[in-house]
Amino acid sequence: MSNSVGVVIVAAGRGTRMGTAESKQYLLLQDKPIVVHTLEVFQQHELISEIVLVTGEEDVDRCREWIAVYKLDKVTAVVPGGSERQHSVYKGLQKLRTTWVMVHDGVRPFVRPEDIAACYQRARQIGASVLAVPVKDTIKQVDGAGTVVSTPDRRSLWAIQTPQTFRLSELKGAYERAERDGYVGTDDSSLAERAGITVSVVEGSYSNIKITTPEDLDFAEFTGRTRGEGL
């Protein structure tokens, strides 16, 4: 099992930008909850042996029902998350028994199977990997007064996506170190970098969007139709 790969799908957030009473991960996309689309990508991937879904405490029961209805038999646990994303991921990590782990956002249903495979291969080579895309726009660093301080070279800037892939024991160690130090990072790789783990970027796709606003949902419907795969 030295090459076994598990996934923690994080769907515990209660995003407010969607402007709906329902959490974004449970909104319907082509008549199916967004999080189910995301789970299906990993369910169908030959590399993946285990999936742990982390969700809000009040959503655990309906998620378990969907797992049964959609026959997502790689899902070995549905666990309630914590107050921060970081705490939610750590709770998910505790439930995995694989050597490697991918952490993925529940609201990124368009991740491509080949990108999942590429992330895993790069992590095996380097130690850890993150899916990302080059930044298209010119980025300005701005101070508190709104004044431009600098213009970083766009060629060095990448927009980070998920999945992010690590050796499970190393990511757990990075999380435990962050907890001891009272450090809260913006993503899993920031904790890994802080723990001295080398993280490599794998170029992904601009279609691997995180659905957080009504406009994203419109784009997701369009993407699902134009792919012609029925998702």
Protein backbone atom coordinates (compact mmCIF):
# COMPACT_ATOMS: atom_id res chain seq x y z
CA MET A 1 0.00 0.00 0.00
CA SER A 2 3.05 2.28 -0.26
CA ASN A 3 1.51 4.08 -3.21
CA SER A 4 -2.06 4.22 -1.89
CA VAL A 5 -3.79 7.57 -2.36
CA GLY A 6 -6.66 8.97 -0.31
CA VAL A 7 -8.57 12.23 -0.67
CA VAL A 8 -9.99 14.65 1.86
CA ILE A 9 -12.85 16.58 0.22
CA VAL A 10 -13.53 19.77 2.18
CA ALA A 11 -17.16 20.91 2.05
CA ALA A 12 -17.68 22.32 5.52
CA GLY A 13 -17.84 26.01 4.61
CA ARG A 14 -20.96 28.15 4.80
CA GLY A 15 -20.09 30.59 2.05
CA THR A 16 -22.06 33.83 2.02
CA ARG A 17 -21.04 35.12 -1.42
CA MET A 18 -23.52 32.90 -3.22
CA GLY A 19 -26.38 34.86 -1.64
CA THR A 20 -28.48 31.72 -1.09
CA ALA A 21 -29.82 30.15 2.08
CA GLU A 22 -28.34 26.83 0.95
CA SER A 23 -24.57 26.30 1.22
CA LYS A 24 -22.90 26.51 -2.19
CA GLN A 25 -21.60 22.92 -2.15
CA TYR A 26 -25.18 21.59 -2.01
CA LEU A 27 -26.66 23.75 -4.78
CA LEU A 28 -27.72 21.75 -7.81
CA LEU A 29 -25.59 21.61 -10.92
CA GLN A 30 -27.29 19.67 -13.72
CA ASP A 31 -29.79 18.28 -11.18
CA LYS A 32 -27.11 16.97 -8.81
CA PRO A 33 -25.47 18.62 -5.77
CA ILE A 34 -22.13 20.23 -6.66
CA VAL A 35 -20.30 18.20 -4.01
CA VAL A 36 -21.58 14.96 -5.55
CA HIS A 37 -20.07 15.91 -8.92
CA THR A 38 -16.77 16.53 -7.12
CA LEU A 39 -16.92 13.22 -5.26
CA GLU A 40 -17.68 11.35 -8.49
CA VAL A 41 -14.47 12.57 -10.16
CA PHE A 42 -12.40 10.93 -7.42
CA GLN A 43 -14.71 7.91 -7.12
CA GLN A 44 -14.06 7.15 -10.78
CA HIS A 45 -10.29 7.74 -10.66
CA GLU A 46 -8.18 4.59 -10.66
CA LEU A 47 -5.51 6.09 -8.36
CA ILE A 48 -7.88 6.81 -5.50
CA SER A 49 -8.66 4.14 -2.91
CA GLU A 50 -10.28 6.15 -0.10
CA ILE A 51 -12.29 9.37 0.17
CA VAL A 52 -13.14 11.23 3.36
CA LEU A 53 -15.78 13.97 3.11
CA VAL A 54 -15.66 16.77 5.69
CA THR A 55 -18.88 18.73 5.96
CA GLY A 56 -20.97 20.81 8.34
CA GLU A 57 -22.34 18.92 11.32
CA GLU A 58 -25.91 19.60 10.22
CA ASP A 59 -25.17 18.21 6.74
CA VAL A 60 -23.59 14.87 7.66
CA ASP A 61 -26.82 12.86 7.37
CA ARG A 62 -27.87 14.09 3.93
CA CYS A 63 -24.33 13.65 2.61
CA ARG A 64 -24.37 10.03 3.79
CA GLU A 65 -27.68 9.58 1.98
CA TRP A 66 -26.23 10.95 -1.26
CA ILE A 67 -23.22 8.66 -0.93
CA ALA A 68 -25.60 5.71 -0.81
CA VAL A 69 -27.85 7.00 -3.62
CA TYR A 70 -24.95 7.76 -5.98
CA LYS A 71 -23.02 4.59 -5.01
CA LEU A 72 -19.89 6.43 -3.90
CA ASP A 73 -18.36 3.40 -2.24
CA LYS A 74 -14.83 4.83 -1.97
CA VAL A 75 -16.14 7.27 0.65
CA THR A 76 -15.08 5.66 3.93
CA ALA A 77 -16.15 8.46 6.28
CA VAL A 78 -18.26 11.62 6.46
CA VAL A 79 -17.07 13.78 9.34
CA PRO A 80 -18.21 17.15 10.73
CA GLY A 81 -15.68 19.92 10.21
CA GLY A 82 -14.15 22.44 12.58
CA SER A 83 -14.42 26.20 12.97
CA GLU A 84 -11.70 26.87 10.34
CA ARG A 85 -10.91 25.08 7.10
CA GLN A 86 -7.58 24.06 8.61
CA HIS A 87 -9.31 22.27 11.49
CA SER A 88 -11.71 20.58 9.06
CA VAL A 89 -8.89 19.21 6.92
CA TYR A 90 -7.04 17.90 9.97
CA LYS A 91 -10.14 16.03 11.13
CA GLY A 92 -10.36 14.45 7.69
CA LEU A 93 -6.69 13.44 7.73
CA GLN A 94 -7.28 11.46 10.92
CA LYS A 95 -9.65 9.13 9.07
CA LEU A 96 -7.34 8.14 6.20
CA ARG A 97 -5.12 5.05 6.13
CA THR A 98 -3.33 5.72 2.84
CA THR A 99 0.31 6.69 2.28
CA TRP A 100 -0.51 9.75 0.18
CA VAL A 101 -3.29 12.29 0.55
CA MET A 102 -4.89 14.81 -1.76
CA VAL A 103 -6.87 17.69 -0.28
CA HIS A 104 -9.55 19.06 -2.59
CA ASP A 105 -12.27 21.70 -2.42
CA GLY A 106 -15.81 20.30 -2.50
CA VAL A 107 -16.84 23.11 -4.86
CA ARG A 108 -14.28 22.32 -7.60
CA PRO A 109 -16.21 19.73 -9.65
CA PHE A 110 -14.29 20.29 -12.91
CA VAL A 111 -10.86 19.00 -11.93
CA ARG A 112 -9.57 16.83 -14.77
CA PRO A 113 -8.56 13.20 -14.15
CA GLU A 114 -5.22 13.75 -15.88
CA ASP A 115 -4.44 16.65 -13.53
CA ILE A 116 -5.14 14.44 -10.51
CA ALA A 117 -2.68 11.89 -11.90
CA ALA A 118 -0.08 14.58 -12.65
CA CYS A 119 -0.32 15.95 -9.10
CA TYR A 120 0.29 12.51 -7.65
CA GLN A 121 3.27 11.79 -9.90
CA ARG A 122 4.85 15.16 -9.09
CA ALA A 123 4.35 14.65 -5.34
CA ARG A 124 6.09 11.28 -5.57
CA GLN A 125 9.02 12.92 -7.35
CA ILE A 126 9.35 16.11 -5.29
CA GLY A 127 7.55 15.49 -1.98
CA ALA A 128 4.39 17.55 -2.41
CA SER A 129 2.47 19.24 -5.23
CA VAL A 130 -0.27 21.76 -5.85
CA LEU A 131 -2.39 22.26 -8.93
CA ALA A 132 -2.18 25.84 -10.21
CA VAL A 133 -2.51 28.08 -13.26
CA PRO A 134 -0.34 31.01 -14.35
CA VAL A 135 -1.87 34.37 -13.44
CA LYS A 136 -3.31 36.07 -16.55
CA ASP A 137 -3.77 39.55 -15.11
CA THR A 138 -1.19 42.10 -14.08
CA ILE A 139 -1.05 42.03 -10.27
CA LYS A 140 -0.36 45.11 -8.15
CA GLN A 141 0.74 45.12 -4.54
CA VAL A 142 -1.15 47.91 -2.77
CA ASP A 143 -0.73 49.45 0.70
CA GLY A 144 -3.47 50.30 3.21
CA ALA A 145 -3.99 53.70 1.62
CA GLY A 146 -4.67 52.19 -1.78
CA THR A 147 -1.35 53.26 -3.24
CA VAL A 148 0.47 50.87 -5.58
CA VAL A 149 3.67 49.71 -3.92
CA SER A 150 4.98 47.32 -6.57
CA THR A 151 4.14 45.30 -9.67
CA PRO A 152 5.44 41.73 -9.28
CA ASP A 153 6.64 39.92 -12.38
CA ARG A 154 3.58 38.06 -13.61
CA ARG A 155 5.74 35.14 -14.81
CA SER A 156 6.46 34.25 -11.18
CA LEU A 157 2.82 34.31 -10.05
CA TRP A 158 0.48 31.31 -10.00
CA ALA A 159 -3.13 31.05 -8.85
CA ILE A 160 -3.30 28.00 -6.60
CA GLN A 161 -6.07 25.43 -6.98
CA THR A 162 -6.72 21.98 -5.59
CA PRO A 163 -5.98 19.12 -5.30
CA GLN A 164 -2.86 19.57 -3.23
CA THR A 165 -0.93 16.34 -2.67
CA PHE A 166 1.32 15.24 0.20
CA ARG A 167 2.67 12.23 2.02
CA LEU A 168 -0.03 11.77 4.68
CA SER A 169 2.39 11.47 7.61
CA GLU A 170 4.22 14.65 6.57
CA LEU A 171 1.04 16.70 6.15
CA LYS A 172 -0.22 15.54 9.54
CA GLY A 173 3.10 16.63 11.04
CA ALA A 174 2.82 20.04 9.35
CA TYR A 175 -0.70 20.45 10.75
CA GLU A 176 0.40 19.50 14.25
CA ARG A 177 3.28 21.96 14.10
CA ALA A 178 0.93 24.74 12.95
CA GLU A 179 -1.46 23.91 15.79
CA ARG A 180 1.34 24.10 18.37
CA ASP A 181 2.47 27.44 16.98
CA GLY A 182 -1.03 28.89 16.67
CA TYR A 183 -0.48 29.38 12.93
CA VAL A 184 -3.43 29.46 10.52
CA GLY A 185 -2.48 29.19 6.85
CA THR A 186 -4.47 30.01 3.73
CA ASP A 187 -4.09 26.51 2.28
CA ASP A 188 -2.50 23.15 3.00
CA SER A 189 0.68 23.86 1.07
CA SER A 190 1.40 26.96 3.20
CA LEU A 191 1.55 24.68 6.25
CA ALA A 192 3.74 22.21 4.38
CA GLU A 193 6.11 24.96 3.16
CA ARG A 194 6.38 26.21 6.73
CA ALA A 195 7.35 22.71 7.87
CA GLY A 196 10.17 22.58 5.31
CA ILE A 197 8.42 20.35 2.77
CA THR A 198 9.27 21.12 -0.86
CA VAL A 199 6.11 21.88 -2.83
CA SER A 200 6.03 21.84 -6.63
CA VAL A 201 3.45 23.48 -8.89
CA VAL A 202 1.62 21.38 -11.49
CA GLU A 203 -0.01 23.40 -14.27
CA GLY A 204 -3.74 22.68 -14.38
CA SER A 205 -6.72 24.14 -16.20
CA TYR A 206 -8.54 27.46 -15.94
CA SER A 207 -11.81 25.49 -16.03
CA ASN A 208 -11.05 24.02 -12.57
CA ILE A 209 -13.00 26.83 -10.94
CA LYS A 210 -14.08 27.13 -7.33
CA ILE A 211 -17.83 27.77 -7.37
CA THR A 212 -18.36 30.60 -4.86
CA THR A 213 -20.63 33.17 -6.55
CA PRO A 214 -23.80 33.10 -8.68
CA GLU A 215 -21.65 33.96 -11.71
CA ASP A 216 -19.51 30.89 -11.02
CA LEU A 217 -22.61 28.73 -10.96
CA ASP A 218 -23.70 30.11 -14.34
CA PHE A 219 -20.23 29.39 -15.73
CA ALA A 220 -20.35 25.88 -14.23
CA GLU A 221 -23.65 25.14 -15.98
CA PHE A 222 -22.13 26.35 -19.25
CA THR A 223 -18.94 24.33 -18.72
CA GLY A 224 -20.91 21.21 -17.91
CA ARG A 225 -22.95 21.54 -21.09
CA THR A 226 -20.05 22.36 -23.38
CA ARG A 227 -17.97 19.44 -22.12
CA GLY A 228 -20.64 17.20 -23.54
CA GLU A 229 -19.95 14.60 -20.90
CA GLY A 230 -23.04 15.21 -18.80
CA LEU A 231 -20.42 15.71 -16.08
